[in-house]
């Protein structure tokens, strides 16, 4: 499996999760910090070409699936999936699906550019839930999720992250989480925020993306391998039948 990151700090997080929950799964990491910098300055669509190239490079390198771990560019990565020939997943979709089961959803982010994509993603999952429940999409939920989602920016947190103050960053995120009121679930919008959940004291459930996101990608890899095994078996059977007929 290939992972596309916009920060090198994510690499050990996913390696540790892989060792603990998915032994035997091999990860290959690509880190491009410039993708997030450009997406913050010019919008996620501004890096669509670069994201597509990074994904194509991962597939060319033999990846059975690619996991994008940056919430800001996750939607861009997903849109490229049809052209890649392998599953392309965004790390925060399973988390968003879990959040959609709750009525009042709070999203906490350290980077403002992540808020819009995360709210839109939760909106997609809310609409999917509504369809599956027999309602019309958007009947009770705004298309962007805004009717049930409130956003919170962890002020000053990202500056600490960029300065290399990891503990200060997590403390600032945890403080923002503990300041949330009137929510049934709290979503940590960025992979780098995951460890802040253990520092928060709120009794509200706090969701983070790395573990469920990696699990979803691991299942995708297994599905690809199973499909390839079936195709290989069919090809071998066809070749044997042709050889038998030629005798």
Protein backbone atom coordinates (compact mmCIF):
# COMPACT_ATOMS: atom_id res chain seq x y z
CA UNK A 1 0.00 0.00 0.00
CA UNK A 2 1.18 3.51 -0.80
CA UNK A 3 0.44 6.49 1.44
CA UNK A 4 0.50 10.11 0.29
CA UNK A 5 1.37 12.49 3.13
CA UNK A 6 1.85 16.24 3.38
CA UNK A 7 3.98 15.98 6.53
CA UNK A 8 6.74 13.56 7.51
CA UNK A 9 5.35 13.28 11.05
CA UNK A 10 2.60 11.01 9.71
CA UNK A 11 5.00 8.27 8.63
CA UNK A 12 5.74 6.83 12.10
CA UNK A 13 2.06 7.11 13.07
CA UNK A 14 0.98 4.80 10.26
CA UNK A 15 3.95 2.49 10.63
CA UNK A 16 3.05 1.96 14.29
CA UNK A 17 -0.60 1.32 13.44
CA UNK A 18 0.41 -1.11 10.72
CA UNK A 19 2.72 -3.04 13.05
CA UNK A 20 -0.01 -3.24 15.70
CA UNK A 21 -3.09 -3.98 13.61
CA UNK A 22 -1.98 -5.09 10.13
CA UNK A 23 1.21 -7.15 10.44
CA UNK A 24 2.40 -8.26 7.05
CA UNK A 25 1.02 -5.22 5.24
CA UNK A 26 3.81 -3.31 3.53
CA UNK A 27 3.61 0.48 3.43
CA UNK A 28 5.40 2.81 1.06
CA UNK A 29 5.34 6.51 1.94
CA UNK A 30 5.44 9.60 -0.26
CA UNK A 31 5.74 12.95 1.53
CA UNK A 32 5.10 16.23 -0.30
CA UNK A 33 4.72 19.16 2.10
CA UNK A 34 4.34 21.58 -0.79
CA UNK A 35 0.92 20.10 -1.64
CA UNK A 36 -0.60 21.37 1.61
CA UNK A 37 1.17 24.72 1.39
CA UNK A 38 -0.21 25.34 -2.10
CA UNK A 39 -3.65 24.03 -1.23
CA UNK A 40 -3.83 26.40 1.74
CA UNK A 41 -2.78 29.35 -0.39
CA UNK A 42 -4.71 28.66 -3.59
CA UNK A 43 -7.32 26.03 -2.76
CA UNK A 44 -7.22 22.22 -3.10
CA UNK A 45 -8.02 22.25 -6.82
CA UNK A 46 -4.77 24.11 -7.45
CA UNK A 47 -2.82 20.94 -6.64
CA UNK A 48 -5.01 18.51 -8.60
CA UNK A 49 -2.34 17.90 -11.24
CA UNK A 50 0.38 17.32 -8.67
CA UNK A 51 -1.83 14.97 -6.66
CA UNK A 52 -2.69 13.01 -9.79
CA UNK A 53 1.01 12.70 -10.64
CA UNK A 54 1.85 11.51 -7.12
CA UNK A 55 -0.91 8.90 -7.23
CA UNK A 56 0.14 7.72 -10.67
CA UNK A 57 3.72 7.36 -9.44
CA UNK A 58 2.54 5.23 -6.52
CA UNK A 59 0.55 2.97 -8.84
CA UNK A 60 3.47 2.68 -11.24
CA UNK A 61 5.54 1.57 -8.27
CA UNK A 62 3.23 -1.37 -7.71
CA UNK A 63 0.75 -0.10 -5.11
CA UNK A 64 -2.44 -2.15 -4.73
CA UNK A 65 -4.15 0.87 -3.12
CA UNK A 66 -3.25 4.43 -2.20
CA UNK A 67 -4.28 6.21 0.99
CA UNK A 68 -4.22 10.03 1.07
CA UNK A 69 -3.64 11.12 4.66
CA UNK A 70 -4.19 14.85 4.15
CA UNK A 71 -7.77 15.98 4.77
CA UNK A 72 -7.33 19.21 2.83
CA UNK A 73 -6.57 17.39 -0.45
CA UNK A 74 -8.48 14.17 0.24
CA UNK A 75 -11.35 15.00 -2.10
CA UNK A 76 -8.90 15.81 -4.89
CA UNK A 77 -7.25 12.41 -4.43
CA UNK A 78 -10.59 10.59 -4.46
CA UNK A 79 -11.59 12.25 -7.72
CA UNK A 80 -8.48 10.78 -9.36
CA UNK A 81 -9.40 7.22 -8.40
CA UNK A 82 -11.21 6.35 -11.62
CA UNK A 83 -8.04 6.92 -13.65
CA UNK A 84 -5.66 5.02 -11.37
CA UNK A 85 -6.85 1.44 -11.74
CA UNK A 86 -6.50 0.79 -7.99
CA UNK A 87 -8.50 2.05 -5.00
CA UNK A 88 -7.63 5.58 -3.89
CA UNK A 89 -8.94 6.38 -0.43
CA UNK A 90 -8.96 9.42 1.81
CA UNK A 91 -8.04 8.69 5.40
CA UNK A 92 -10.89 10.63 6.97
CA UNK A 93 -13.90 9.06 5.21
CA UNK A 94 -14.41 6.20 7.71
CA UNK A 95 -14.21 8.73 10.54
CA UNK A 96 -16.78 10.94 8.79
CA UNK A 97 -19.08 7.96 8.34
CA UNK A 98 -18.87 7.24 12.08
CA UNK A 99 -19.56 10.88 12.90
CA UNK A 100 -22.64 10.91 10.67
CA UNK A 101 -24.38 8.56 13.10
CA UNK A 102 -24.59 11.46 15.58
CA UNK A 103 -26.96 14.41 15.63
CA UNK A 104 -24.66 17.26 16.71
CA UNK A 105 -21.20 17.07 15.19
CA UNK A 106 -18.25 19.30 16.07
CA UNK A 107 -15.20 19.50 13.82
CA UNK A 108 -11.92 20.71 15.31
CA UNK A 109 -9.03 21.63 13.02
CA UNK A 110 -5.67 23.30 13.42
CA UNK A 111 -5.61 24.54 9.81
CA UNK A 112 -8.56 26.54 8.52
CA UNK A 113 -8.25 25.10 5.01
CA UNK A 114 -9.17 21.68 6.42
CA UNK A 115 -12.53 22.77 7.82
CA UNK A 116 -14.38 23.14 4.50
CA UNK A 117 -13.30 19.78 3.04
CA UNK A 118 -14.07 17.98 6.30
CA UNK A 119 -17.53 19.51 6.64
CA UNK A 120 -18.26 18.68 3.00
CA UNK A 121 -17.15 15.08 3.57
CA UNK A 122 -19.39 14.72 6.62
CA UNK A 123 -22.20 16.22 4.54
CA UNK A 124 -21.70 13.45 1.97
CA UNK A 125 -21.90 10.81 4.67
CA UNK A 126 -24.99 12.41 6.20
CA UNK A 127 -26.69 12.43 2.80
CA UNK A 128 -25.73 8.78 2.26
CA UNK A 129 -27.23 7.85 5.62
CA UNK A 130 -30.40 9.72 4.71
CA UNK A 131 -30.70 7.91 1.38
CA UNK A 132 -30.18 4.54 3.04
CA UNK A 133 -32.85 5.42 5.58
CA UNK A 134 -35.31 6.07 2.74
CA UNK A 135 -35.22 9.86 2.71
CA UNK A 136 -34.35 12.12 -0.19
CA UNK A 137 -30.77 13.44 -0.19
CA UNK A 138 -30.72 16.79 1.56
CA UNK A 139 -34.28 16.43 2.84
CA UNK A 140 -33.16 17.08 6.40
CA UNK A 141 -29.50 17.89 5.87
CA UNK A 142 -27.80 20.71 3.98
CA UNK A 143 -25.65 19.36 1.16
CA UNK A 144 -22.50 20.61 2.87
CA UNK A 145 -23.43 19.20 6.26
CA UNK A 146 -23.67 22.64 7.82
CA UNK A 147 -27.08 22.05 9.42
CA UNK A 148 -25.61 19.51 11.84
CA UNK A 149 -21.92 20.39 11.89
CA UNK A 150 -20.17 23.17 13.79
CA UNK A 151 -16.52 24.01 13.22
CA UNK A 152 -13.84 25.04 15.70
CA UNK A 153 -10.31 26.24 14.91
CA UNK A 154 -7.63 25.43 17.48
CA UNK A 155 -6.13 28.90 17.67
CA UNK A 156 -2.36 29.00 17.67
CA UNK A 157 -2.02 25.23 17.36
CA UNK A 158 -0.63 25.12 13.82
CA UNK A 159 2.03 27.69 14.60
CA UNK A 160 3.30 25.37 17.32
CA UNK A 161 3.23 22.43 14.92
CA UNK A 162 5.29 24.33 12.36
CA UNK A 163 7.73 25.35 15.09
CA UNK A 164 8.27 21.71 16.02
CA UNK A 165 6.55 22.05 19.40
CA UNK A 166 4.65 18.77 19.21
CA UNK A 167 3.52 18.73 22.83
CA UNK A 168 2.39 22.35 22.65
CA UNK A 169 0.49 21.56 19.47
CA UNK A 170 -1.36 18.62 21.00
CA UNK A 171 -2.11 20.60 24.16
CA UNK A 172 -3.61 23.42 22.09
CA UNK A 173 -5.75 20.94 20.16
CA UNK A 174 -6.87 19.24 23.38
CA UNK A 175 -7.83 22.62 24.83
CA UNK A 176 -9.92 23.37 21.76
CA UNK A 177 -11.61 19.97 22.07
CA UNK A 178 -12.41 20.56 25.74
CA UNK A 179 -13.90 23.95 24.88
CA UNK A 180 -16.54 22.40 22.58
CA UNK A 181 -20.09 22.61 23.88
CA UNK A 182 -23.40 21.16 22.67
CA UNK A 183 -21.94 18.31 20.63
CA UNK A 184 -22.62 14.58 20.56
CA UNK A 185 -19.32 13.77 18.88
CA UNK A 186 -16.09 15.65 18.15
CA UNK A 187 -14.11 15.05 14.96
CA UNK A 188 -10.38 15.73 14.79
CA UNK A 189 -10.01 16.89 11.21
CA UNK A 190 -6.29 16.21 10.72
CA UNK A 191 -4.16 13.10 11.14
CA UNK A 192 -1.61 15.06 13.17
CA UNK A 193 -4.26 15.80 15.82
CA UNK A 194 -5.03 12.17 16.71
CA UNK A 195 -2.88 11.96 19.83
CA UNK A 196 -4.67 15.00 21.30
CA UNK A 197 -7.72 12.83 22.01
CA UNK A 198 -5.90 11.21 24.93
CA UNK A 199 -5.06 14.63 26.38
CA UNK A 200 -8.61 15.96 26.28
CA UNK A 201 -10.86 15.60 29.33
CA UNK A 202 -14.24 15.93 27.63
CA UNK A 203 -16.78 13.14 28.07
CA UNK A 204 -17.93 13.60 24.46
CA UNK A 205 -16.60 10.90 22.09
CA UNK A 206 -13.60 12.15 20.09
CA UNK A 207 -12.95 10.61 16.67
CA UNK A 208 -9.66 10.60 14.78
CA UNK A 209 -8.83 9.27 11.34
CA UNK A 210 -5.56 7.27 11.24
CA UNK A 211 -6.68 3.89 12.61
CA UNK A 212 -10.04 3.54 10.76
CA UNK A 213 -8.56 5.07 7.62
CA UNK A 214 -5.68 2.60 7.52
CA UNK A 215 -8.06 -0.28 8.25
CA UNK A 216 -10.24 0.70 5.28
CA UNK A 217 -7.20 0.88 3.02
CA UNK A 218 -5.97 -2.50 4.26
CA UNK A 219 -9.33 -4.02 3.35
CA UNK A 220 -9.05 -2.46 -0.09
CA UNK A 221 -5.64 -4.06 -0.58
CA UNK A 222 -7.03 -7.45 0.40
CA UNK A 223 -9.94 -7.01 -2.03
CA UNK A 224 -7.52 -6.19 -4.87
CA UNK A 225 -5.40 -9.24 -4.06
CA UNK A 226 -8.47 -11.48 -3.96
CA UNK A 227 -9.65 -10.11 -7.32
CA UNK A 228 -6.23 -10.64 -8.86
CA UNK A 229 -6.11 -14.21 -7.55
CA UNK A 230 -9.47 -14.95 -9.17
CA UNK A 231 -8.37 -13.44 -12.47
CA UNK A 232 -5.11 -15.38 -12.35
CA UNK A 233 -7.02 -18.59 -11.70
CA UNK A 234 -9.39 -17.90 -14.56
CA UNK A 235 -6.51 -17.17 -16.91
CA UNK A 236 -4.73 -20.38 -15.89
CA UNK A 237 -7.92 -22.37 -16.41
CA UNK A 238 -8.44 -20.84 -19.82
CA UNK A 239 -4.87 -21.62 -20.85
CA UNK A 240 -5.22 -25.21 -19.68
CA UNK A 241 -8.45 -25.62 -21.62
CA UNK A 242 -6.85 -24.28 -24.78
CA UNK A 243 -3.89 -26.60 -24.37
CA UNK A 244 -6.19 -29.58 -23.85
CA UNK A 245 -8.23 -28.70 -26.94
CA UNK A 246 -5.10 -28.41 -29.04
CA UNK A 247 -4.00 -31.96 -28.23
